[in-house]
Protein backbone atom coordinates (compact mmCIF):
# COMPACT_ATOMS: atom_id res chain seq x y z
CA MET A 1 -5.56 -6.90 5.82
CA GLN A 2 -2.65 -8.82 4.35
CA VAL A 3 0.17 -6.77 2.79
CA ASN A 4 2.54 -8.58 0.41
CA PHE A 5 5.68 -6.90 -0.87
CA SER A 6 7.23 -7.56 -4.28
CA ALA A 7 10.82 -8.78 -4.34
CA THR A 8 12.25 -5.25 -4.52
CA TYR A 9 10.35 -4.07 -1.45
CA ARG A 10 11.02 -7.34 0.38
CA ASN A 11 14.72 -6.64 -0.01
CA ILE A 12 14.32 -3.10 1.33
CA THR A 13 12.13 -4.01 4.32
CA GLY A 14 13.31 -7.54 5.04
CA VAL A 15 9.62 -8.52 5.20
CA ARG A 16 7.68 -10.66 2.73
CA SER A 17 4.21 -10.00 4.11
CA PHE A 18 2.43 -8.84 7.24
CA ASP A 19 -1.00 -8.09 8.65
CA LEU A 20 -1.88 -4.40 8.58
CA PRO A 21 -4.55 -3.31 11.04
CA ILE A 22 -7.22 -1.25 9.32
CA SER A 23 -10.04 0.80 10.75
CA ALA A 24 -13.56 1.29 9.47
CA GLY A 25 -13.50 3.82 6.65
CA ASP A 26 -9.83 3.30 5.76
CA THR A 27 -9.02 3.59 2.07
CA VAL A 28 -6.15 2.27 -0.02
CA LEU A 29 -4.41 5.62 0.48
CA ASP A 30 -4.83 5.31 4.26
CA GLY A 31 -3.34 1.82 4.04
CA ILE A 32 -0.35 3.14 2.11
CA LYS A 33 0.19 5.83 4.74
CA LYS A 34 0.06 3.20 7.50
CA ILE A 35 2.57 1.03 5.63
CA LEU A 36 4.92 4.01 5.24
CA ALA A 37 4.60 4.75 8.97
CA LEU A 38 5.64 1.16 9.74
CA HIS A 39 8.31 1.04 7.02
CA PRO A 40 9.63 4.56 6.48
CA GLU A 41 12.51 3.13 4.45
CA LEU A 42 9.97 2.73 1.62
CA ARG A 43 9.14 6.45 1.52
CA PRO A 44 11.70 7.49 -1.14
CA HIS A 45 10.65 4.55 -3.31
CA TRP A 46 6.89 5.12 -3.00
CA VAL A 47 6.33 8.89 -2.70
CA ASN A 48 7.99 12.12 -3.81
CA ASP A 49 8.97 15.01 -1.53
CA ALA A 50 5.41 16.37 -1.72
CA GLY A 51 4.03 13.02 -0.50
CA GLU A 52 2.53 12.13 -3.88
CA ILE A 53 2.69 8.49 -4.93
CA HIS A 54 5.22 7.79 -7.67
CA ALA A 55 3.68 6.85 -11.03
CA HIS A 56 5.83 3.71 -11.16
CA LEU A 57 4.32 2.29 -7.95
CA THR A 58 1.85 -0.48 -8.73
CA VAL A 59 -0.71 -1.09 -6.00
CA ILE A 60 -2.72 -4.29 -6.27
CA LEU A 61 -5.85 -4.84 -4.16
CA ASN A 62 -7.29 -8.34 -4.24
CA LYS A 63 -5.46 -9.11 -7.51
CA THR A 64 -6.72 -5.93 -9.21
CA ASP A 65 -4.57 -2.92 -10.06
CA ILE A 66 -6.15 -0.01 -8.19
CA THR A 67 -5.86 2.21 -11.26
CA SER A 68 -8.63 0.10 -12.81
CA LEU A 69 -10.94 0.48 -9.80
CA PRO A 70 -13.55 3.28 -9.96
CA ASP A 71 -12.37 4.87 -6.70
CA GLY A 72 -8.64 4.20 -7.16
CA LEU A 73 -6.73 5.28 -4.04
CA ASN A 74 -10.04 6.12 -2.37
CA THR A 75 -11.25 2.51 -2.57
CA PRO A 76 -12.40 1.40 0.89
CA LEU A 77 -10.48 -1.40 2.57
CA LYS A 78 -12.13 -4.35 4.28
CA PRO A 79 -10.82 -6.99 6.67
CA GLY A 80 -9.59 -9.92 4.60
CA ASP A 81 -8.35 -7.70 1.76
CA GLU A 82 -4.94 -8.42 0.32
């Protein structure tokens, strides 16, 4: 799946976009965890000390805010997703 960072996160990571390998059954939350494993410098910006995602973090899957998807963070990922 293609991961694209907004300008703020591009500045933090030095990366505009990259391909994230996903496995069958991975969800948006699994994808976020994989991104944080690859870019731990994002951790304080994305999650609190308890590992909960900050309310200000906007996650877009295929041009749709995940908060408007029925399964939210539990939405399954597919190859080709962005």
